[in-house]
Amino acid sequence: MMKIKLVLISVFLICNIVAAQNELNLKTSIYAGGARQGATYLKFERALFSNNWTETIVNIGVGSVSGEGKYGIFTMNKIMPGVAQLFGYKRFFLELGVEPSIVFYRKVAFIDLNAIVGLRYQNRASKDPSLFFQIGLNPKMYYSHNSNIDVPFYFGIGLSL
């Protein structure tokens, strides 16, 4: 577990250093989606580094898995930061990354670590706002509490600013 934390911290530090050294017109995206480990979510995303056919992105989001208290199934709220690498050119991208989820369930908080493997359609070459679509797999790599919710795919739609 300690190795995973060190790798994640290293990736974030390297991305921040690279972004600080490059003066780029970095894209921002806002999007909503569903099915990501059972959650309906809203995310804010920022590109840190861009090179011809690859781009490093970070995002932060909030999500919720709704429940029915009268049936003993309670709502889970999530904070979902993530880091990913996009591979592609102009509009179609392969997305690979990791997404830790901090989950709040009643009086308990726990962490899931999810992989991101997906496809997205997004016009990153244009300076004008454009639509954003994504679909992919989001399997659990590690979990600290078994929540019995495992929906290993996701979809999203949003706006690239």
C-alpha atoms as a PDB file:
ATOM      1  CA  MET A   1       0.000   0.000   0.000  1.00  0.00           C
ATOM      2  CA  MET A   2       2.854   2.368   0.810  1.00  0.00           C
ATOM      3  CA  LYS A   3       4.340   1.825  -2.664  1.00  0.00           C
ATOM      4  CA  ILE A   4       1.058   2.840  -4.315  1.00  0.00           C
ATOM      5  CA  LYS A   5       0.940   6.030  -2.241  1.00  0.00           C
ATOM      6  CA  LEU A   6       4.522   6.888  -3.155  1.00  0.00           C
ATOM      7  CA  VAL A   7       3.846   6.316  -6.855  1.00  0.00           C
ATOM      8  CA  LEU A   8       0.715   8.512  -6.771  1.00  0.00           C
ATOM      9  CA  ILE A   9       2.491  11.314  -4.916  1.00  0.00           C
ATOM     10  CA  SER A  10       5.428  11.116  -7.346  1.00  0.00           C
ATOM     11  CA  VAL A  11       3.112  11.312 -10.364  1.00  0.00           C
ATOM     12  CA  PHE A  12       1.345  14.386  -8.974  1.00  0.00           C
ATOM     13  CA  LEU A  13       4.672  16.118  -8.177  1.00  0.00           C
ATOM     14  CA  ILE A  14       6.154  15.395 -11.603  1.00  0.00           C
ATOM     15  CA  CYS A  15       2.987  16.616 -13.351  1.00  0.00           C
ATOM     16  CA  ASN A  16       3.010  19.843 -11.341  1.00  0.00           C
ATOM     17  CA  ILE A  17       6.696  20.498 -12.058  1.00  0.00           C
ATOM     18  CA  VAL A  18       6.227  19.868 -15.773  1.00  0.00           C
ATOM     19  CA  ALA A  19       3.139  22.096 -15.888  1.00  0.00           C
ATOM     20  CA  ALA A  20       4.960  24.897 -14.076  1.00  0.00           C
ATOM     21  CA  GLN A  21       7.779  24.796 -16.638  1.00  0.00           C
ATOM     22  CA  ASN A  22       5.483  24.885 -19.683  1.00  0.00           C
ATOM     23  CA  GLU A  23       3.429  27.891 -20.669  1.00  0.00           C
ATOM     24  CA  LEU A  24       0.568  26.209 -22.515  1.00  0.00           C
ATOM     25  CA  ASN A  25      -2.996  27.044 -23.356  1.00  0.00           C
ATOM     26  CA  LEU A  26      -4.325  24.381 -20.999  1.00  0.00           C
ATOM     27  CA  LYS A  27      -7.876  23.101 -21.457  1.00  0.00           C
ATOM     28  CA  THR A  28     -10.459  22.852 -18.716  1.00  0.00           C
ATOM     29  CA  SER A  29     -13.467  20.521 -18.806  1.00  0.00           C
ATOM     30  CA  ILE A  30     -16.598  20.204 -16.703  1.00  0.00           C
ATOM     31  CA  TYR A  31     -18.611  17.007 -17.055  1.00  0.00           C
ATOM     32  CA  ALA A  32     -21.221  14.783 -15.453  1.00  0.00           C
ATOM     33  CA  GLY A  33     -21.800  11.082 -15.766  1.00  0.00           C
ATOM     34  CA  GLY A  34     -22.889   7.878 -14.198  1.00  0.00           C
ATOM     35  CA  ALA A  35     -22.200   4.252 -13.375  1.00  0.00           C
ATOM     36  CA  ARG A  36     -18.657   5.012 -12.134  1.00  0.00           C
ATOM     37  CA  GLN A  37     -18.547   2.431  -9.328  1.00  0.00           C
ATOM     38  CA  GLY A  38     -22.271   3.047  -8.899  1.00  0.00           C
ATOM     39  CA  ALA A  39     -22.001   6.816  -8.554  1.00  0.00           C
ATOM     40  CA  THR A  40     -23.627   9.671 -10.376  1.00  0.00           C
ATOM     41  CA  TYR A  41     -20.888  12.288 -10.499  1.00  0.00           C
ATOM     42  CA  LEU A  42     -19.807  15.808 -11.444  1.00  0.00           C
ATOM     43  CA  LYS A  43     -16.140  16.468 -12.270  1.00  0.00           C
ATOM     44  CA  PHE A  44     -13.807  19.369 -12.999  1.00  0.00           C
ATOM     45  CA  GLU A  45     -10.743  18.550 -15.106  1.00  0.00           C
ATOM     46  CA  ARG A  46      -7.589  20.440 -16.029  1.00  0.00           C
ATOM     47  CA  ALA A  47      -4.830  19.579 -18.490  1.00  0.00           C
ATOM     48  CA  LEU A  48      -1.374  19.819 -16.912  1.00  0.00           C
ATOM     49  CA  PHE A  49       0.884  18.982 -19.821  1.00  0.00           C
ATOM     50  CA  SER A  50       0.274  18.618 -23.527  1.00  0.00           C
ATOM     51  CA  ASN A  51       2.528  17.258 -26.234  1.00  0.00           C
ATOM     52  CA  ASN A  52       1.678  16.368 -29.873  1.00  0.00           C
ATOM     53  CA  TRP A  53      -0.252  13.125 -29.231  1.00  0.00           C
ATOM     54  CA  THR A  54      -0.389  12.865 -25.436  1.00  0.00           C
ATOM     55  CA  GLU A  55      -1.795  14.934 -22.595  1.00  0.00           C
ATOM     56  CA  THR A  56      -1.651  14.637 -18.809  1.00  0.00           C
ATOM     57  CA  ILE A  57      -4.864  15.549 -16.999  1.00  0.00           C
ATOM     58  CA  VAL A  58      -5.972  15.802 -13.375  1.00  0.00           C
ATOM     59  CA  ASN A  59      -9.524  16.005 -12.147  1.00  0.00           C
ATOM     60  CA  ILE A  60     -11.553  16.259  -8.989  1.00  0.00           C
ATOM     61  CA  GLY A  61     -15.146  15.260  -8.622  1.00  0.00           C
ATOM     62  CA  VAL A  62     -17.978  14.565  -6.261  1.00  0.00           C
ATOM     63  CA  GLY A  63     -20.402  11.724  -6.603  1.00  0.00           C
ATOM     64  CA  SER A  64     -23.174   9.943  -4.831  1.00  0.00           C
ATOM     65  CA  VAL A  65     -24.589   6.436  -4.771  1.00  0.00           C
ATOM     66  CA  SER A  66     -28.188   6.883  -3.707  1.00  0.00           C
ATOM     67  CA  GLY A  67     -29.828   4.571  -1.228  1.00  0.00           C
ATOM     68  CA  GLU A  68     -33.111   3.879   0.501  1.00  0.00           C
ATOM     69  CA  GLY A  69     -32.819   4.348   4.265  1.00  0.00           C
ATOM     70  CA  LYS A  70     -36.066   2.513   4.969  1.00  0.00           C
ATOM     71  CA  TYR A  71     -34.554  -0.624   3.342  1.00  0.00           C
ATOM     72  CA  GLY A  72     -31.266  -0.313   5.232  1.00  0.00           C
ATOM     73  CA  ILE A  73     -29.341   0.890   2.171  1.00  0.00           C
ATOM     74  CA  PHE A  74     -27.894   4.311   2.852  1.00  0.00           C
ATOM     75  CA  THR A  75     -26.450   6.928   0.511  1.00  0.00           C
ATOM     76  CA  MET A  76     -22.694   6.881  -0.120  1.00  0.00           C
ATOM     77  CA  ASN A  77     -21.000  10.173  -0.975  1.00  0.00           C
ATOM     78  CA  LYS A  78     -17.651  10.227  -2.775  1.00  0.00           C
ATOM     79  CA  ILE A  79     -14.791  12.599  -3.443  1.00  0.00           C
ATOM     80  CA  MET A  80     -12.988  11.387  -6.561  1.00  0.00           C
ATOM     81  CA  PRO A  81      -9.624  12.913  -7.504  1.00  0.00           C
ATOM     82  CA  GLY A  82      -7.875  11.379 -10.488  1.00  0.00           C
ATOM     83  CA  VAL A  83      -4.878  11.562 -12.769  1.00  0.00           C
ATOM     84  CA  ALA A  84      -4.824  10.195 -16.308  1.00  0.00           C
ATOM     85  CA  GLN A  85      -2.898  10.226 -19.534  1.00  0.00           C
ATOM     86  CA  LEU A  86      -4.668  10.825 -22.846  1.00  0.00           C
ATOM     87  CA  PHE A  87      -3.218   9.279 -25.992  1.00  0.00           C
ATOM     88  CA  GLY A  88      -4.550  10.508 -29.323  1.00  0.00           C
ATOM     89  CA  TYR A  89      -4.699  13.394 -31.700  1.00  0.00           C
ATOM     90  CA  LYS A  90      -7.237  16.230 -32.056  1.00  0.00           C
ATOM     91  CA  ARG A  91     -10.563  14.493 -31.223  1.00  0.00           C
ATOM     92  CA  PHE A  92     -10.315  10.792 -30.251  1.00  0.00           C
ATOM     93  CA  PHE A  93      -8.319   9.724 -27.197  1.00  0.00           C
ATOM     94  CA  LEU A  94      -7.449   6.611 -25.226  1.00  0.00           C
ATOM     95  CA  GLU A  95      -7.573   7.438 -21.506  1.00  0.00           C
ATOM     96  CA  LEU A  96      -5.435   5.535 -18.946  1.00  0.00           C
ATOM     97  CA  GLY A  97      -5.162   6.509 -15.292  1.00  0.00           C
ATOM     98  CA  VAL A  98      -5.960   5.986 -11.630  1.00  0.00           C
ATOM     99  CA  GLU A  99      -8.756   7.361  -9.497  1.00  0.00           C
ATOM    100  CA  PRO A 100      -8.746   7.077  -5.719  1.00  0.00           C
ATOM    101  CA  SER A 101     -12.225   7.514  -4.242  1.00  0.00           C
ATOM    102  CA  ILE A 102     -12.787   8.708  -0.700  1.00  0.00           C
ATOM    103  CA  VAL A 103     -16.155   7.243   0.247  1.00  0.00           C
ATOM    104  CA  PHE A 104     -18.345   8.454   3.110  1.00  0.00           C
ATOM    105  CA  TYR A 105     -20.955   5.901   4.193  1.00  0.00           C
ATOM    106  CA  ARG A 106     -22.947   6.813   7.291  1.00  0.00           C
ATOM    107  CA  LYS A 107     -20.278   7.330   9.990  1.00  0.00           C
ATOM    108  CA  VAL A 108     -17.550   5.408   8.145  1.00  0.00           C
ATOM    109  CA  ALA A 109     -15.062   6.685   5.569  1.00  0.00           C
ATOM    110  CA  PHE A 110     -12.975   4.399   3.367  1.00  0.00           C
ATOM    111  CA  ILE A 111     -10.863   4.526   0.217  1.00  0.00           C
ATOM    112  CA  ASP A 112     -11.128   2.717  -3.102  1.00  0.00           C
ATOM    113  CA  LEU A 113      -8.441   2.850  -5.774  1.00  0.00           C
ATOM    114  CA  ASN A 114      -9.869   2.457  -9.267  1.00  0.00           C
ATOM    115  CA  ALA A 115      -8.236   2.110 -12.669  1.00  0.00           C
ATOM    116  CA  ILE A 116      -9.364   4.200 -15.637  1.00  0.00           C
ATOM    117  CA  VAL A 117      -9.339   2.692 -19.137  1.00  0.00           C
ATOM    118  CA  GLY A 118     -11.562   4.517 -21.567  1.00  0.00           C
ATOM    119  CA  LEU A 119     -12.234   6.300 -24.811  1.00  0.00           C
ATOM    120  CA  ARG A 120     -13.188   9.904 -25.199  1.00  0.00           C
ATOM    121  CA  TYR A 121     -14.267  12.246 -27.933  1.00  0.00           C
ATOM    122  CA  GLN A 122     -13.135  15.759 -27.189  1.00  0.00           C
ATOM    123  CA  ASN A 123     -11.925  18.586 -29.421  1.00  0.00           C
ATOM    124  CA  ARG A 124      -8.753  19.597 -27.593  1.00  0.00           C
ATOM    125  CA  ALA A 125      -7.306  21.403 -30.625  1.00  0.00           C
ATOM    126  CA  SER A 126      -9.987  24.123 -30.688  1.00  0.00           C
ATOM    127  CA  LYS A 127      -9.890  27.188 -28.480  1.00  0.00           C
ATOM    128  CA  ASP A 128     -13.716  27.382 -28.617  1.00  0.00           C
ATOM    129  CA  PRO A 129     -15.930  25.494 -26.114  1.00  0.00           C
ATOM    130  CA  SER A 130     -16.874  22.039 -27.392  1.00  0.00           C
ATOM    131  CA  LEU A 131     -18.769  18.932 -26.309  1.00  0.00           C
ATOM    132  CA  PHE A 132     -17.041  16.092 -24.504  1.00  0.00           C
ATOM    133  CA  PHE A 133     -18.086  12.403 -24.450  1.00  0.00           C
ATOM    134  CA  GLN A 134     -16.424   9.535 -22.601  1.00  0.00           C
ATOM    135  CA  ILE A 135     -17.023   5.849 -21.989  1.00  0.00           C
ATOM    136  CA  GLY A 136     -14.804   3.246 -20.356  1.00  0.00           C
ATOM    137  CA  LEU A 137     -13.935   0.748 -17.662  1.00  0.00           C
ATOM    138  CA  ASN A 138     -13.341   1.686 -14.035  1.00  0.00           C
ATOM    139  CA  PRO A 139     -12.425  -1.541 -12.169  1.00  0.00           C
ATOM    140  CA  LYS A 140     -11.430  -1.550  -8.496  1.00  0.00           C
ATOM    141  CA  MET A 141      -7.713  -2.157  -7.963  1.00  0.00           C
ATOM    142  CA  TYR A 142      -7.844  -1.826  -4.168  1.00  0.00           C
ATOM    143  CA  TYR A 143     -10.553  -1.275  -1.596  1.00  0.00           C
ATOM    144  CA  SER A 144     -10.373  -0.819   2.161  1.00  0.00           C
ATOM    145  CA  HIS A 145     -14.020  -1.754   2.739  1.00  0.00           C
ATOM    146  CA  ASN A 146     -16.229  -4.109   0.737  1.00  0.00           C
ATOM    147  CA  SER A 147     -19.230  -1.984  -0.257  1.00  0.00           C
ATOM    148  CA  ASN A 148     -20.907  -4.658  -2.448  1.00  0.00           C
ATOM    149  CA  ILE A 149     -21.180  -2.069  -5.223  1.00  0.00           C
ATOM    150  CA  ASP A 150     -18.955  -2.821  -8.178  1.00  0.00           C
ATOM    151  CA  VAL A 151     -20.011  -1.214 -11.448  1.00  0.00           C
ATOM    152  CA  PRO A 152     -16.786  -1.365 -13.468  1.00  0.00           C
ATOM    153  CA  PHE A 153     -17.732   1.005 -16.310  1.00  0.00           C
ATOM    154  CA  TYR A 154     -18.564   4.675 -16.734  1.00  0.00           C
ATOM    155  CA  PHE A 155     -19.929   7.234 -19.161  1.00  0.00           C
ATOM    156  CA  GLY A 156     -19.876  11.007 -19.163  1.00  0.00           C
ATOM    157  CA  ILE A 157     -20.855  14.091 -21.130  1.00  0.00           C
ATOM    158  CA  GLY A 158     -19.671  17.615 -20.604  1.00  0.00           C
ATOM    159  CA  LEU A 159     -18.125  20.775 -21.958  1.00  0.00           C
ATOM    160  CA  SER A 160     -14.495  21.557 -22.771  1.00  0.00           C
ATOM    161  CA  LEU A 161     -13.789  25.209 -22.128  1.00  0.00           C
END
